[in-house]
Amino acid sequence: TNEVVKGGTALIQQQSQNLFRSMFFCLIHSLEDNGYDYIDDIENIKEQDTGFYSYLKDFGIGAKYSIALYSAQKNIIGFLTIDFSNKDDADIKEVINCLQDKKIKIETLLNL
């Protein structure tokens, strides 16, 4: 796991380990159904998934994009995420291109 943040932003990796899968209901279902999850404004999930909303809000995340990583057998084995503290900073086309590139490299390495 690698986590990079801009200055003034806290790392959240340690606080995110060993959490129950049910806490990320919307994320998991979106990854399973679509292969990605895009939340352009966390306020849009406030009623639908209060647990995940609270988690994101607690860490100051305003928007996020996640993409599933697959094994050679087409099972989801993880995901990559970019979180934005300011939802207006998200250039979604650039984010998708960046994560697609990373996804291909990681899946290729894992499936050697």
C-alpha atoms as a PDB file:
ATOM      1  CA  THR A   1       0.000   0.000   0.000  1.00  0.00           C
ATOM      2  CA  ASN A   2       1.255   3.425  -0.919  1.00  0.00           C
ATOM      3  CA  GLU A   3      -0.304   6.690   0.120  1.00  0.00           C
ATOM      4  CA  VAL A   4       0.714  10.100  -1.124  1.00  0.00           C
ATOM      5  CA  VAL A   5      -0.843  13.330   0.100  1.00  0.00           C
ATOM      6  CA  LYS A   6      -0.331  17.012  -0.514  1.00  0.00           C
ATOM      7  CA  GLY A   7       1.081  19.237   2.199  1.00  0.00           C
ATOM      8  CA  GLY A   8      -1.309  19.915   5.061  1.00  0.00           C
ATOM      9  CA  THR A   9      -3.267  16.720   4.410  1.00  0.00           C
ATOM     10  CA  ALA A  10      -3.213  13.810   6.853  1.00  0.00           C
ATOM     11  CA  LEU A  11      -2.518  10.196   5.923  1.00  0.00           C
ATOM     12  CA  ILE A  12      -5.526   7.931   6.532  1.00  0.00           C
ATOM     13  CA  GLN A  13      -4.071   4.517   5.716  1.00  0.00           C
ATOM     14  CA  GLN A  14      -3.539   3.430   9.317  1.00  0.00           C
ATOM     15  CA  GLN A  15      -7.076   4.408  10.350  1.00  0.00           C
ATOM     16  CA  SER A  16      -8.525   2.589   7.327  1.00  0.00           C
ATOM     17  CA  GLN A  17      -7.058  -0.852   7.995  1.00  0.00           C
ATOM     18  CA  ASN A  18      -9.127  -3.714   9.449  1.00  0.00           C
ATOM     19  CA  LEU A  19     -12.479  -2.006   8.921  1.00  0.00           C
ATOM     20  CA  PHE A  20     -15.544  -4.097   8.194  1.00  0.00           C
ATOM     21  CA  ARG A  21     -16.476  -4.467   4.529  1.00  0.00           C
ATOM     22  CA  SER A  22     -20.066  -3.514   5.376  1.00  0.00           C
ATOM     23  CA  MET A  23     -18.853  -0.014   6.252  1.00  0.00           C
ATOM     24  CA  PHE A  24     -18.151   0.549   2.552  1.00  0.00           C
ATOM     25  CA  PHE A  25     -21.492  -0.708   1.217  1.00  0.00           C
ATOM     26  CA  CYS A  26     -21.850   1.723  -1.722  1.00  0.00           C
ATOM     27  CA  LEU A  27     -18.193   1.468  -2.711  1.00  0.00           C
ATOM     28  CA  ILE A  28     -18.127  -2.336  -2.747  1.00  0.00           C
ATOM     29  CA  HIS A  29     -21.369  -2.675  -4.706  1.00  0.00           C
ATOM     30  CA  SER A  30     -20.320  -0.084  -7.254  1.00  0.00           C
ATOM     31  CA  LEU A  31     -16.956  -1.806  -7.752  1.00  0.00           C
ATOM     32  CA  GLU A  32     -18.672  -5.193  -8.130  1.00  0.00           C
ATOM     33  CA  ASP A  33     -21.314  -3.867 -10.546  1.00  0.00           C
ATOM     34  CA  ASN A  34     -19.304  -1.352 -12.579  1.00  0.00           C
ATOM     35  CA  GLY A  35     -15.604  -1.902 -11.930  1.00  0.00           C
ATOM     36  CA  TYR A  36     -15.343   1.659 -10.612  1.00  0.00           C
ATOM     37  CA  ASP A  37     -16.945   4.050  -8.134  1.00  0.00           C
ATOM     38  CA  TYR A  38     -17.189   7.800  -8.613  1.00  0.00           C
ATOM     39  CA  ILE A  39     -18.567  10.110  -5.964  1.00  0.00           C
ATOM     40  CA  ASP A  40     -18.427  13.656  -7.296  1.00  0.00           C
ATOM     41  CA  ASP A  41     -19.799  15.059  -4.023  1.00  0.00           C
ATOM     42  CA  ILE A  42     -20.076  13.013  -0.810  1.00  0.00           C
ATOM     43  CA  GLU A  43     -23.268  14.883   0.081  1.00  0.00           C
ATOM     44  CA  ASN A  44     -24.926  12.771  -2.666  1.00  0.00           C
ATOM     45  CA  ILE A  45     -24.486   9.581  -0.568  1.00  0.00           C
ATOM     46  CA  LYS A  46     -25.417  11.061   2.810  1.00  0.00           C
ATOM     47  CA  GLU A  47     -28.850   9.379   2.953  1.00  0.00           C
ATOM     48  CA  GLN A  48     -27.958   6.219   1.012  1.00  0.00           C
ATOM     49  CA  ASP A  49     -24.844   5.171   2.948  1.00  0.00           C
ATOM     50  CA  THR A  50     -24.506   7.090   6.212  1.00  0.00           C
ATOM     51  CA  GLY A  51     -21.559   5.001   7.470  1.00  0.00           C
ATOM     52  CA  PHE A  52     -19.402   5.591   4.402  1.00  0.00           C
ATOM     53  CA  TYR A  53     -20.504   9.227   4.266  1.00  0.00           C
ATOM     54  CA  SER A  54     -19.391   9.746   7.881  1.00  0.00           C
ATOM     55  CA  TYR A  55     -16.070   8.001   7.202  1.00  0.00           C
ATOM     56  CA  LEU A  56     -15.352  10.266   4.220  1.00  0.00           C
ATOM     57  CA  LYS A  57     -16.552  13.379   6.039  1.00  0.00           C
ATOM     58  CA  ASP A  58     -14.362  12.598   9.088  1.00  0.00           C
ATOM     59  CA  PHE A  59     -11.274  12.576   6.858  1.00  0.00           C
ATOM     60  CA  GLY A  60     -12.250  15.731   4.980  1.00  0.00           C
ATOM     61  CA  ILE A  61     -12.881  13.932   1.695  1.00  0.00           C
ATOM     62  CA  GLY A  62     -15.265  15.808  -0.609  1.00  0.00           C
ATOM     63  CA  ALA A  63     -15.078  13.593  -3.717  1.00  0.00           C
ATOM     64  CA  LYS A  64     -13.440  10.311  -4.733  1.00  0.00           C
ATOM     65  CA  TYR A  65     -12.828   7.947  -7.628  1.00  0.00           C
ATOM     66  CA  SER A  66     -12.014   4.257  -7.185  1.00  0.00           C
ATOM     67  CA  ILE A  67     -11.249   1.539  -9.712  1.00  0.00           C
ATOM     68  CA  ALA A  68     -11.241  -2.227  -9.116  1.00  0.00           C
ATOM     69  CA  LEU A  69      -8.156  -4.410  -9.519  1.00  0.00           C
ATOM     70  CA  TYR A  70      -8.771  -7.918 -10.884  1.00  0.00           C
ATOM     71  CA  SER A  71      -6.938 -11.232 -10.685  1.00  0.00           C
ATOM     72  CA  ALA A  72      -6.307 -13.351 -13.780  1.00  0.00           C
ATOM     73  CA  GLN A  73      -9.505 -15.216 -12.797  1.00  0.00           C
ATOM     74  CA  LYS A  74     -11.471 -11.919 -12.976  1.00  0.00           C
ATOM     75  CA  ASN A  75     -12.017 -11.668  -9.209  1.00  0.00           C
ATOM     76  CA  ILE A  76     -11.716  -8.295  -7.508  1.00  0.00           C
ATOM     77  CA  ILE A  77      -8.568  -8.373  -5.394  1.00  0.00           C
ATOM     78  CA  GLY A  78      -8.361  -4.715  -4.420  1.00  0.00           C
ATOM     79  CA  PHE A  79      -8.913  -1.209  -5.629  1.00  0.00           C
ATOM     80  CA  LEU A  80      -7.136   2.083  -6.255  1.00  0.00           C
ATOM     81  CA  THR A  81      -8.636   5.341  -5.026  1.00  0.00           C
ATOM     82  CA  ILE A  82      -7.979   9.029  -5.403  1.00  0.00           C
ATOM     83  CA  ASP A  83      -9.652  11.187  -2.753  1.00  0.00           C
ATOM     84  CA  PHE A  84     -10.187  14.934  -3.042  1.00  0.00           C
ATOM     85  CA  SER A  85     -10.536  17.244  -0.072  1.00  0.00           C
ATOM     86  CA  ASN A  86     -11.997  19.829  -2.430  1.00  0.00           C
ATOM     87  CA  LYS A  87     -14.482  18.297  -4.865  1.00  0.00           C
ATOM     88  CA  ASP A  88     -13.785  21.112  -7.321  1.00  0.00           C
ATOM     89  CA  ASP A  89     -10.154  19.935  -7.672  1.00  0.00           C
ATOM     90  CA  ALA A  90     -11.231  16.707  -9.393  1.00  0.00           C
ATOM     91  CA  ASP A  91     -10.455  16.594 -13.112  1.00  0.00           C
ATOM     92  CA  ILE A  92     -12.269  13.305 -13.639  1.00  0.00           C
ATOM     93  CA  LYS A  93     -10.904  12.609 -17.144  1.00  0.00           C
ATOM     94  CA  GLU A  94      -7.341  13.013 -15.901  1.00  0.00           C
ATOM     95  CA  VAL A  95      -8.063  10.881 -12.821  1.00  0.00           C
ATOM     96  CA  ILE A  96      -9.577   8.062 -14.911  1.00  0.00           C
ATOM     97  CA  ASN A  97      -6.627   8.036 -17.315  1.00  0.00           C
ATOM     98  CA  CYS A  98      -4.111   7.995 -14.466  1.00  0.00           C
ATOM     99  CA  LEU A  99      -5.821   5.191 -12.548  1.00  0.00           C
ATOM    100  CA  GLN A 100      -6.438   3.089 -15.691  1.00  0.00           C
ATOM    101  CA  ASP A 101      -2.707   3.243 -16.404  1.00  0.00           C
ATOM    102  CA  LYS A 102      -1.826   2.262 -12.812  1.00  0.00           C
ATOM    103  CA  LYS A 103      -4.468  -0.515 -12.874  1.00  0.00           C
ATOM    104  CA  ILE A 104      -2.984  -2.100 -15.997  1.00  0.00           C
ATOM    105  CA  LYS A 105       0.545  -2.037 -14.559  1.00  0.00           C
ATOM    106  CA  ILE A 106      -0.506  -3.495 -11.194  1.00  0.00           C
ATOM    107  CA  GLU A 107      -2.704  -6.234 -12.684  1.00  0.00           C
ATOM    108  CA  THR A 108       0.085  -7.196 -15.093  1.00  0.00           C
ATOM    109  CA  LEU A 109       2.587  -7.497 -12.259  1.00  0.00           C
ATOM    110  CA  LEU A 110       0.193  -9.455 -10.033  1.00  0.00           C
ATOM    111  CA  ASN A 111      -0.799 -11.898 -12.751  1.00  0.00           C
ATOM    112  CA  LEU A 112       2.703 -12.864 -13.961  1.00  0.00           C
END
